[in-house]
Amino acid sequence: MTLGDILTSDSIVSDLKARDRWEAIEELIDCLVAAGRIAPQHRDAVTTVIRRRETSMSTGIGYGIGIPHASTNLIQSVVGAFGRSRGGLPSRRSTGNR
């Protein structure tokens, strides 16, 4: 498996509209639903799993980069999305947990 197997052109958002990390996660999940990589009926459950994982331990790796991820039996293969915020997103410290 290569990164190209996980990230396809329809799972890349070059200009996120999100204003914080939670909105960014939701926007990327919506991208995966639109690309057919996550079933629409599983969207909310996948969001919950990723939020739970991100709340338990941030997946931020520094330099403005985060790699939110989780494992669920609702998705049968590895999927991923890439998003870039041209204006940046507030740091975790300034947005708090939801």
PDB file of N, CA and C in Angstrom:
ATOM      1  N   MET A   1       0.847  -1.178   0.000  1.00  0.00           N
ATOM      2  CA  MET A   1       0.000   0.000   0.000  1.00  0.00           C
ATOM      3  C   MET A   1       0.893   1.241   0.000  1.00  0.00           C
ATOM      4  N   THR A   2       0.508   2.206  -0.815  1.00  0.00           N
ATOM      5  CA  THR A   2       1.245   3.463  -0.886  1.00  0.00           C
ATOM      6  C   THR A   2       0.322   4.608  -0.472  1.00  0.00           C
ATOM      7  N   LEU A   3       0.914   5.753  -0.249  1.00  0.00           N
ATOM      8  CA  LEU A   3       0.116   6.935   0.085  1.00  0.00           C
ATOM      9  C   LEU A   3      -0.880   7.242  -1.022  1.00  0.00           C
ATOM     10  N   GLY A   4      -0.513   6.978  -2.258  1.00  0.00           N
ATOM     11  CA  GLY A   4      -1.407   7.188  -3.397  1.00  0.00           C
ATOM     12  C   GLY A   4      -2.633   6.282  -3.370  1.00  0.00           C
ATOM     13  N   ASP A   5      -2.521   5.143  -2.686  1.00  0.00           N
ATOM     14  CA  ASP A   5      -3.680   4.261  -2.528  1.00  0.00           C
ATOM     15  C   ASP A   5      -4.670   4.838  -1.515  1.00  0.00           C
ATOM     16  N   ILE A   6      -4.157   5.608  -0.579  1.00  0.00           N
ATOM     17  CA  ILE A   6      -4.991   6.165   0.495  1.00  0.00           C
ATOM     18  C   ILE A   6      -5.527   7.535   0.114  1.00  0.00           C
ATOM     19  N   LEU A   7      -4.658   8.394  -0.391  1.00  0.00           N
ATOM     20  CA  LEU A   7      -5.055   9.746  -0.778  1.00  0.00           C
ATOM     21  C   LEU A   7      -5.249   9.815  -2.285  1.00  0.00           C
ATOM     22  N   THR A   8      -6.463  10.055  -2.685  1.00  0.00           N
ATOM     23  CA  THR A   8      -6.768  10.228  -4.096  1.00  0.00           C
ATOM     24  C   THR A   8      -7.185  11.677  -4.327  1.00  0.00           C
ATOM     25  N   SER A   9      -7.230  12.089  -5.557  1.00  0.00           N
ATOM     26  CA  SER A   9      -7.536  13.496  -5.847  1.00  0.00           C
ATOM     27  C   SER A   9      -8.884  13.928  -5.273  1.00  0.00           C
ATOM     28  N   ASP A  10      -9.834  12.996  -5.163  1.00  0.00           N
ATOM     29  CA  ASP A  10     -11.142  13.376  -4.623  1.00  0.00           C
ATOM     30  C   ASP A  10     -11.177  13.366  -3.096  1.00  0.00           C
ATOM     31  N   SER A  11     -10.041  13.081  -2.458  1.00  0.00           N
ATOM     32  CA  SER A  11      -9.992  13.135  -0.997  1.00  0.00           C
ATOM     33  C   SER A  11      -8.997  14.193  -0.520  1.00  0.00           C
ATOM     34  N   ILE A  12      -8.786  15.203  -1.358  1.00  0.00           N
ATOM     35  CA  ILE A  12      -7.893  16.314  -1.012  1.00  0.00           C
ATOM     36  C   ILE A  12      -8.687  17.611  -1.049  1.00  0.00           C
ATOM     37  N   VAL A  13      -8.602  18.366   0.026  1.00  0.00           N
ATOM     38  CA  VAL A  13      -9.249  19.679   0.107  1.00  0.00           C
ATOM     39  C   VAL A  13      -8.128  20.709   0.195  1.00  0.00           C
ATOM     40  N   SER A  14      -7.886  21.418  -0.880  1.00  0.00           N
ATOM     41  CA  SER A  14      -6.742  22.329  -0.931  1.00  0.00           C
ATOM     42  C   SER A  14      -6.975  23.636  -0.183  1.00  0.00           C
ATOM     43  N   ASP A  15      -8.226  23.947   0.121  1.00  0.00           N
ATOM     44  CA  ASP A  15      -8.527  25.193   0.834  1.00  0.00           C
ATOM     45  C   ASP A  15      -9.688  24.943   1.789  1.00  0.00           C
ATOM     46  N   LEU A  16      -9.372  24.425   2.969  1.00  0.00           N
ATOM     47  CA  LEU A  16     -10.407  24.145   3.964  1.00  0.00           C
ATOM     48  C   LEU A  16     -11.163  25.420   4.325  1.00  0.00           C
ATOM     49  N   LYS A  17     -12.445  25.291   4.506  1.00  0.00           N
ATOM     50  CA  LYS A  17     -13.272  26.421   4.945  1.00  0.00           C
ATOM     51  C   LYS A  17     -13.364  26.474   6.468  1.00  0.00           C
ATOM     52  N   ALA A  18     -12.942  25.423   7.122  1.00  0.00           N
ATOM     53  CA  ALA A  18     -13.055  25.282   8.578  1.00  0.00           C
ATOM     54  C   ALA A  18     -12.385  26.436   9.312  1.00  0.00           C
ATOM     55  N   ARG A  19     -12.961  26.738  10.485  1.00  0.00           N
ATOM     56  CA  ARG A  19     -12.410  27.790  11.333  1.00  0.00           C
ATOM     57  C   ARG A  19     -11.715  27.231  12.562  1.00  0.00           C
ATOM     58  N   ASP A  20     -11.891  25.935  12.815  1.00  0.00           N
ATOM     59  CA  ASP A  20     -11.188  25.299  13.929  1.00  0.00           C
ATOM     60  C   ASP A  20     -10.961  23.822  13.608  1.00  0.00           C
ATOM     61  N   ARG A  21     -10.248  23.131  14.477  1.00  0.00           N
ATOM     62  CA  ARG A  21      -9.883  21.746  14.168  1.00  0.00           C
ATOM     63  C   ARG A  21     -11.083  20.827  14.051  1.00  0.00           C
ATOM     64  N   TRP A  22     -12.129  21.062  14.859  1.00  0.00           N
ATOM     65  CA  TRP A  22     -13.310  20.196  14.789  1.00  0.00           C
ATOM     66  C   TRP A  22     -14.020  20.359  13.457  1.00  0.00           C
ATOM     67  N   GLU A  23     -14.147  21.604  12.996  1.00  0.00           N
ATOM     68  CA  GLU A  23     -14.756  21.842  11.685  1.00  0.00           C
ATOM     69  C   GLU A  23     -13.894  21.236  10.576  1.00  0.00           C
ATOM     70  N   ALA A  24     -12.575  21.299  10.733  1.00  0.00           N
ATOM     71  CA  ALA A  24     -11.681  20.713   9.726  1.00  0.00           C
ATOM     72  C   ALA A  24     -11.875  19.205   9.654  1.00  0.00           C
ATOM     73  N   ILE A  25     -11.971  18.557  10.804  1.00  0.00           N
ATOM     74  CA  ILE A  25     -12.196  17.110  10.831  1.00  0.00           C
ATOM     75  C   ILE A  25     -13.512  16.775  10.141  1.00  0.00           C
ATOM     76  N   GLU A  26     -14.552  17.518  10.458  1.00  0.00           N
ATOM     77  CA  GLU A  26     -15.862  17.260   9.836  1.00  0.00           C
ATOM     78  C   GLU A  26     -15.812  17.499   8.324  1.00  0.00           C
ATOM     79  N   GLU A  27     -15.122  18.551   7.915  1.00  0.00           N
ATOM     80  CA  GLU A  27     -15.021  18.847   6.480  1.00  0.00           C
ATOM     81  C   GLU A  27     -14.292  17.711   5.744  1.00  0.00           C
ATOM     82  N   LEU A  28     -13.259  17.166   6.354  1.00  0.00           N
ATOM     83  CA  LEU A  28     -12.522  16.069   5.728  1.00  0.00           C
ATOM     84  C   LEU A  28     -13.343  14.780   5.715  1.00  0.00           C
ATOM     85  N   ILE A  29     -14.102  14.548   6.766  1.00  0.00           N
ATOM     86  CA  ILE A  29     -14.996  13.377   6.768  1.00  0.00           C
ATOM     87  C   ILE A  29     -16.046  13.540   5.669  1.00  0.00           C
ATOM     88  N   ASP A  30     -16.606  14.734   5.537  1.00  0.00           N
ATOM     89  CA  ASP A  30     -17.575  14.983   4.461  1.00  0.00           C
ATOM     90  C   ASP A  30     -16.947  14.733   3.093  1.00  0.00           C
ATOM     91  N   CYS A  31     -15.690  15.087   2.937  1.00  0.00           N
ATOM     92  CA  CYS A  31     -14.975  14.837   1.687  1.00  0.00           C
ATOM     93  C   CYS A  31     -14.904  13.339   1.409  1.00  0.00           C
ATOM     94  N   LEU A  32     -14.610  12.551   2.439  1.00  0.00           N
ATOM     95  CA  LEU A  32     -14.534  11.094   2.267  1.00  0.00           C
ATOM     96  C   LEU A  32     -15.896  10.484   1.966  1.00  0.00           C
ATOM     97  N   VAL A  33     -16.948  11.055   2.542  1.00  0.00           N
ATOM     98  CA  VAL A  33     -18.302  10.586   2.222  1.00  0.00           C
ATOM     99  C   VAL A  33     -18.608  10.902   0.756  1.00  0.00           C
ATOM    100  N   ALA A  34     -18.324  12.137   0.334  1.00  0.00           N
ATOM    101  CA  ALA A  34     -18.595  12.540  -1.052  1.00  0.00           C
ATOM    102  C   ALA A  34     -17.794  11.693  -2.049  1.00  0.00           C
ATOM    103  N   ALA A  35     -16.607  11.261  -1.639  1.00  0.00           N
ATOM    104  CA  ALA A  35     -15.755  10.449  -2.508  1.00  0.00           C
ATOM    105  C   ALA A  35     -16.148   8.975  -2.490  1.00  0.00           C
ATOM    106  N   GLY A  36     -17.136   8.628  -1.670  1.00  0.00           N
ATOM    107  CA  GLY A  36     -17.575   7.244  -1.597  1.00  0.00           C
ATOM    108  C   GLY A  36     -16.670   6.355  -0.758  1.00  0.00           C
ATOM    109  N   ARG A  37     -15.805   6.955   0.039  1.00  0.00           N
ATOM    110  CA  ARG A  37     -14.872   6.177   0.860  1.00  0.00           C
ATOM    111  C   ARG A  37     -15.463   5.845   2.236  1.00  0.00           C
ATOM    112  N   ILE A  38     -16.458   6.639   2.657  1.00  0.00           N
ATOM    113  CA  ILE A  38     -17.218   6.376   3.886  1.00  0.00           C
ATOM    114  C   ILE A  38     -18.689   6.390   3.502  1.00  0.00           C
ATOM    115  N   ALA A  39     -19.433   5.389   3.938  1.00  0.00           N
ATOM    116  CA  ALA A  39     -20.867   5.337   3.640  1.00  0.00           C
ATOM    117  C   ALA A  39     -21.575   6.486   4.364  1.00  0.00           C
ATOM    118  N   PRO A  40     -22.492   7.166   3.676  1.00  0.00           N
ATOM    119  CA  PRO A  40     -23.194   8.295   4.305  1.00  0.00           C
ATOM    120  C   PRO A  40     -23.827   7.940   5.653  1.00  0.00           C
ATOM    121  N   GLN A  41     -24.379   6.740   5.769  1.00  0.00           N
ATOM    122  CA  GLN A  41     -25.023   6.359   7.026  1.00  0.00           C
ATOM    123  C   GLN A  41     -24.016   6.148   8.157  1.00  0.00           C
ATOM    124  N   HIS A  42     -22.725   6.081   7.847  1.00  0.00           N
ATOM    125  CA  HIS A  42     -21.696   5.900   8.873  1.00  0.00           C
ATOM    126  C   HIS A  42     -20.987   7.199   9.240  1.00  0.00           C
ATOM    127  N   ARG A  43     -21.351   8.282   8.577  1.00  0.00           N
ATOM    128  CA  ARG A  43     -20.673   9.557   8.792  1.00  0.00           C
ATOM    129  C   ARG A  43     -20.637   9.963  10.262  1.00  0.00           C
ATOM    130  N   ASP A  44     -21.777   9.986  10.913  1.00  0.00           N
ATOM    131  CA  ASP A  44     -21.833  10.449  12.300  1.00  0.00           C
ATOM    132  C   ASP A  44     -21.068   9.521  13.242  1.00  0.00           C
ATOM    133  N   ALA A  45     -21.165   8.219  13.019  1.00  0.00           N
ATOM    134  CA  ALA A  45     -20.440   7.267  13.874  1.00  0.00           C
ATOM    135  C   ALA A  45     -18.933   7.421  13.696  1.00  0.00           C
ATOM    136  N   VAL A  46     -18.481   7.613  12.462  1.00  0.00           N
ATOM    137  CA  VAL A  46     -17.050   7.807  12.207  1.00  0.00           C
ATOM    138  C   VAL A  46     -16.588   9.110  12.849  1.00  0.00           C
ATOM    139  N   THR A  47     -17.389  10.151  12.736  1.00  0.00           N
ATOM    140  CA  THR A  47     -17.053  11.430  13.368  1.00  0.00           C
ATOM    141  C   THR A  47     -16.897  11.256  14.871  1.00  0.00           C
ATOM    142  N   THR A  48     -17.808  10.528  15.489  1.00  0.00           N
ATOM    143  CA  THR A  48     -17.755  10.295  16.932  1.00  0.00           C
ATOM    144  C   THR A  48     -16.476   9.566  17.326  1.00  0.00           C
ATOM    145  N   VAL A  49     -16.104   8.546  16.572  1.00  0.00           N
ATOM    146  CA  VAL A  49     -14.897   7.773  16.881  1.00  0.00           C
ATOM    147  C   VAL A  49     -13.653   8.660  16.761  1.00  0.00           C
ATOM    148  N   ILE A  50     -13.592   9.469  15.730  1.00  0.00           N
ATOM    149  CA  ILE A  50     -12.427  10.335  15.549  1.00  0.00           C
ATOM    150  C   ILE A  50     -12.384  11.411  16.630  1.00  0.00           C
ATOM    151  N   ARG A  51     -13.534  11.984  16.964  1.00  0.00           N
ATOM    152  CA  ARG A  51     -13.572  12.984  18.044  1.00  0.00           C
ATOM    153  C   ARG A  51     -13.114  12.376  19.373  1.00  0.00           C
ATOM    154  N   ARG A  52     -13.578  11.173  19.650  1.00  0.00           N
ATOM    155  CA  ARG A  52     -13.198  10.498  20.893  1.00  0.00           C
ATOM    156  C   ARG A  52     -11.683  10.299  20.932  1.00  0.00           C
ATOM    157  N   ARG A  53     -11.119   9.860  19.833  1.00  0.00           N
ATOM    158  CA  ARG A  53      -9.672   9.636  19.763  1.00  0.00           C
ATOM    159  C   ARG A  53      -8.915  10.941  19.908  1.00  0.00           C
ATOM    160  N   GLU A  54      -9.357  11.974  19.233  1.00  0.00           N
ATOM    161  CA  GLU A  54      -8.676  13.268  19.285  1.00  0.00           C
ATOM    162  C   GLU A  54      -8.796  13.907  20.669  1.00  0.00           C
ATOM    163  N   THR A  55      -9.909  13.694  21.339  1.00  0.00           N
ATOM    164  CA  THR A  55     -10.102  14.255  22.679  1.00  0.00           C
ATOM    165  C   THR A  55      -9.240  13.525  23.704  1.00  0.00           C
ATOM    166  N   SER A  56      -9.068  12.218  23.527  1.00  0.00           N
ATOM    167  CA  SER A  56      -8.273  11.453  24.498  1.00  0.00           C
ATOM    168  C   SER A  56      -6.795  11.792  24.384  1.00  0.00           C
ATOM    169  N   MET A  57      -6.319  12.050  23.183  1.00  0.00           N
ATOM    170  CA  MET A  57      -4.932  12.425  22.968  1.00  0.00           C
ATOM    171  C   MET A  57      -4.835  13.121  21.618  1.00  0.00           C
ATOM    172  N   SER A  58      -4.410  14.354  21.638  1.00  0.00           N
ATOM    173  CA  SER A  58      -4.315  15.117  20.402  1.00  0.00           C
ATOM    174  C   SER A  58      -3.396  14.423  19.405  1.00  0.00           C
ATOM    175  N   THR A  59      -3.763  14.504  18.150  1.00  0.00           N
ATOM    176  CA  THR A  59      -2.943  13.926  17.090  1.00  0.00           C
ATOM    177  C   THR A  59      -2.143  15.010  16.372  1.00  0.00           C
ATOM    178  N   GLY A  60      -2.058  16.185  16.999  1.00  0.00           N
ATOM    179  CA  GLY A  60      -1.219  17.241  16.447  1.00  0.00           C
ATOM    180  C   GLY A  60       0.244  16.846  16.591  1.00  0.00           C
ATOM    181  N   ILE A  61       1.020  17.082  15.535  1.00  0.00           N
ATOM    182  CA  ILE A  61       2.430  16.693  15.594  1.00  0.00           C
ATOM    183  C   ILE A  61       3.360  17.904  15.567  1.00  0.00           C
ATOM    184  N   GLY A  62       2.787  19.091  15.608  1.00  0.00           N
ATOM    185  CA  GLY A  62       3.589  20.305  15.610  1.00  0.00           C
ATOM    186  C   GLY A  62       3.633  20.952  14.240  1.00  0.00           C
ATOM    187  N   TYR A  63       4.172  22.188  14.207  1.00  0.00           N
ATOM    188  CA  TYR A  63       4.315  22.940  12.962  1.00  0.00           C
ATOM    189  C   TYR A  63       2.977  23.119  12.238  1.00  0.00           C
ATOM    190  N   GLY A  64       1.882  23.130  13.008  1.00  0.00           N
ATOM    191  CA  GLY A  64       0.563  23.326  12.412  1.00  0.00           C
ATOM    192  C   GLY A  64       0.009  22.104  11.705  1.00  0.00           C
ATOM    193  N   ILE A  65       0.553  20.933  12.011  1.00  0.00           N
ATOM    194  CA  ILE A  65       0.122  19.701  11.348  1.00  0.00           C
ATOM    195  C   ILE A  65      -0.562  18.788  12.353  1.00  0.00           C
ATOM    196  N   GLY A  66      -1.706  18.261  11.970  1.00  0.00           N
ATOM    197  CA  GLY A  66      -2.416  17.271  12.777  1.00  0.00           C
ATOM    198  C   GLY A  66      -2.783  16.092  11.904  1.00  0.00           C
ATOM    199  N   ILE A  67      -2.811  14.928  12.502  1.00  0.00           N
ATOM    200  CA  ILE A  67      -3.186  13.730  11.763  1.00  0.00           C
ATOM    201  C   ILE A  67      -4.274  12.997  12.555  1.00  0.00           C
ATOM    202  N   PRO A  68      -5.475  13.583  12.609  1.00  0.00           N
ATOM    203  CA  PRO A  68      -6.566  12.916  13.316  1.00  0.00           C
ATOM    204  C   PRO A  68      -6.855  11.566  12.669  1.00  0.00           C
ATOM    205  N   HIS A  69      -7.019  10.558  13.498  1.00  0.00           N
ATOM    206  CA  HIS A  69      -7.264   9.221  12.978  1.00  0.00           C
ATOM    207  C   HIS A  69      -7.956   8.375  14.033  1.00  0.00           C
ATOM    208  N   ALA A  70      -8.499   7.276  13.591  1.00  0.00           N
ATOM    209  CA  ALA A  70      -9.153   6.337  14.500  1.00  0.00           C
ATOM    210  C   ALA A  70      -9.356   5.022  13.755  1.00  0.00           C
ATOM    211  N   SER A  71      -9.744   4.033  14.507  1.00  0.00           N
ATOM    212  CA  SER A  71     -10.034   2.728  13.932  1.00  0.00           C
ATOM    213  C   SER A  71     -11.497   2.396  14.197  1.00  0.00           C
ATOM    214  N   THR A  72     -12.157   1.842  13.188  1.00  0.00           N
ATOM    215  CA  THR A  72     -13.553   1.444  13.327  1.00  0.00           C
ATOM    216  C   THR A  72     -13.842   0.295  12.369  1.00  0.00           C
ATOM    217  N   ASN A  73     -14.757  -0.554  12.750  1.00  0.00           N
ATOM    218  CA  ASN A  73     -15.136  -1.658  11.859  1.00  0.00           C
ATOM    219  C   ASN A  73     -16.165  -1.221  10.811  1.00  0.00           C
ATOM    220  N   LEU A  74     -16.529   0.050  10.794  1.00  0.00           N
ATOM    221  CA  LEU A  74     -17.477   0.574   9.808  1.00  0.00           C
ATOM    222  C   LEU A  74     -16.828   0.825   8.451  1.00  0.00           C
ATOM    223  N   ILE A  75     -15.508   0.856   8.419  1.00  0.00           N
ATOM    224  CA  ILE A  75     -14.768   1.082   7.180  1.00  0.00           C
ATOM    225  C   ILE A  75     -13.859  -0.116   6.987  1.00  0.00           C
ATOM    226  N   GLN A  76     -13.940  -0.729   5.822  1.00  0.00           N
ATOM    227  CA  GLN A  76     -13.241  -1.995   5.598  1.00  0.00           C
ATOM    228  C   GLN A  76     -11.813  -1.850   5.086  1.00  0.00           C
ATOM    229  N   SER A  77     -11.398  -0.646   4.709  1.00  0.00           N
ATOM    230  CA  SER A  77     -10.034  -0.437   4.238  1.00  0.00           C
ATOM    231  C   SER A  77      -9.492   0.873   4.802  1.00  0.00           C
ATOM    232  N   VAL A  78      -8.210   1.079   4.655  1.00  0.00           N
ATOM    233  CA  VAL A  78      -7.605   2.321   5.122  1.00  0.00           C
ATOM    234  C   VAL A  78      -8.042   3.450   4.184  1.00  0.00           C
ATOM    235  N   VAL A  79      -8.560   4.513   4.759  1.00  0.00           N
ATOM    236  CA  VAL A  79      -8.944   5.688   3.972  1.00  0.00           C
ATOM    237  C   VAL A  79      -8.310   6.914   4.606  1.00  0.00           C
ATOM    238  N   GLY A  80      -8.135   7.929   3.828  1.00  0.00           N
ATOM    239  CA  GLY A  80      -7.560   9.159   4.345  1.00  0.00           C
ATOM    240  C   GLY A  80      -7.947  10.336   3.492  1.00  0.00           C
ATOM    241  N   ALA A  81      -7.858  11.494   4.103  1.00  0.00           N
ATOM    242  CA  ALA A  81      -8.108  12.746   3.395  1.00  0.00           C
ATOM    243  C   ALA A  81      -7.030  13.730   3.822  1.00  0.00           C
ATOM    244  N   PHE A  82      -6.743  14.651   2.946  1.00  0.00           N
ATOM    245  CA  PHE A  82      -5.755  15.681   3.226  1.00  0.00           C
ATOM    246  C   PHE A  82      -6.422  17.024   3.065  1.00  0.00           C
ATOM    247  N   GLY A  83      -6.205  17.911   4.031  1.00  0.00           N
ATOM    248  CA  GLY A  83      -6.746  19.252   3.919  1.00  0.00           C
ATOM    249  C   GLY A  83      -5.716  20.283   4.305  1.00  0.00           C
ATOM    250  N   ARG A  84      -5.792  21.416   3.653  1.00  0.00           N
ATOM    251  CA  ARG A  84      -4.897  22.531   3.946  1.00  0.00           C
ATOM    252  C   ARG A  84      -5.739  23.766   4.180  1.00  0.00           C
ATOM    253  N   SER A  85      -5.430  24.455   5.269  1.00  0.00           N
ATOM    254  CA  SER A  85      -6.095  25.715   5.565  1.00  0.00           C
ATOM    255  C   SER A  85      -5.133  26.834   5.205  1.00  0.00           C
ATOM    256  N   ARG A  86      -5.488  27.612   4.229  1.00  0.00           N
ATOM    257  CA  ARG A  86      -4.592  28.689   3.790  1.00  0.00           C
ATOM    258  C   ARG A  86      -4.349  29.715   4.891  1.00  0.00           C
ATOM    259  N   GLY A  87      -5.367  29.976   5.700  1.00  0.00           N
ATOM    260  CA  GLY A  87      -5.222  30.954   6.777  1.00  0.00           C
ATOM    261  C   GLY A  87      -4.795  30.345   8.095  1.00  0.00           C
ATOM    262  N   GLY A  88      -4.729  29.023   8.152  1.00  0.00           N
ATOM    263  CA  GLY A  88      -4.377  28.352   9.394  1.00  0.00           C
ATOM    264  C   GLY A  88      -5.580  28.205  10.301  1.00  0.00           C
ATOM    265  N   LEU A  89      -5.417  27.391  11.306  1.00  0.00           N
ATOM    266  CA  LEU A  89      -6.461  27.162  12.305  1.00  0.00           C
ATOM    267  C   LEU A  89      -5.903  27.510  13.669  1.00  0.00           C
ATOM    268  N   PRO A  90      -6.758  27.941  14.593  1.00  0.00           N
ATOM    269  CA  PRO A  90      -6.272  28.237  15.940  1.00  0.00           C
ATOM    270  C   PRO A  90      -5.658  26.983  16.560  1.00  0.00           C
ATOM    271  N   SER A  91      -4.682  27.184  17.416  1.00  0.00           N
ATOM    272  CA  SER A  91      -4.076  26.042  18.108  1.00  0.00           C
ATOM    273  C   SER A  91      -5.083  25.440  19.072  1.00  0.00           C
ATOM    274  N   ARG A  92      -4.821  24.227  19.486  1.00  0.00           N
ATOM    275  CA  ARG A  92      -5.711  23.525  20.412  1.00  0.00           C
ATOM    276  C   ARG A  92      -5.912  24.329  21.699  1.00  0.00           C
ATOM    277  N   ARG A  93      -4.859  24.936  22.170  1.00  0.00           N
ATOM    278  CA  ARG A  93      -4.930  25.702  23.424  1.00  0.00           C
ATOM    279  C   ARG A  93      -5.933  26.845  23.322  1.00  0.00           C
ATOM    280  N   SER A  94      -6.061  27.433  22.133  1.00  0.00           N
ATOM    281  CA  SER A  94      -6.958  28.586  22.020  1.00  0.00           C
ATOM    282  C   SER A  94      -8.397  28.186  21.673  1.00  0.00           C
ATOM    283  N   THR A  95      -8.625  26.928  21.279  1.00  0.00           N
ATOM    284  CA  THR A  95      -9.978  26.531  20.920  1.00  0.00           C
ATOM    285  C   THR A  95     -10.622  25.673  21.974  1.00  0.00           C
ATOM    286  N   GLY A  96      -9.846  25.048  22.837  1.00  0.00           N
ATOM    287  CA  GLY A  96     -10.409  24.179  23.863  1.00  0.00           C
ATOM    288  C   GLY A  96     -11.015  22.921  23.279  1.00  0.00           C
ATOM    289  N   ASN A  97     -11.521  22.068  24.135  1.00  0.00           N
ATOM    290  CA  ASN A  97     -12.181  20.825  23.704  1.00  0.00           C
ATOM    291  C   ASN A  97     -13.666  21.037  23.608  1.00  0.00           C
ATOM    292  N   ARG A  98     -14.275  20.333  22.699  1.00  0.00           N
ATOM    293  CA  ARG A  98     -15.733  20.356  22.604  1.00  0.00           C
ATOM    294  C   ARG A  98     -16.262  19.075  23.170  1.00  0.00           C
TER     295      ARG A  98
END
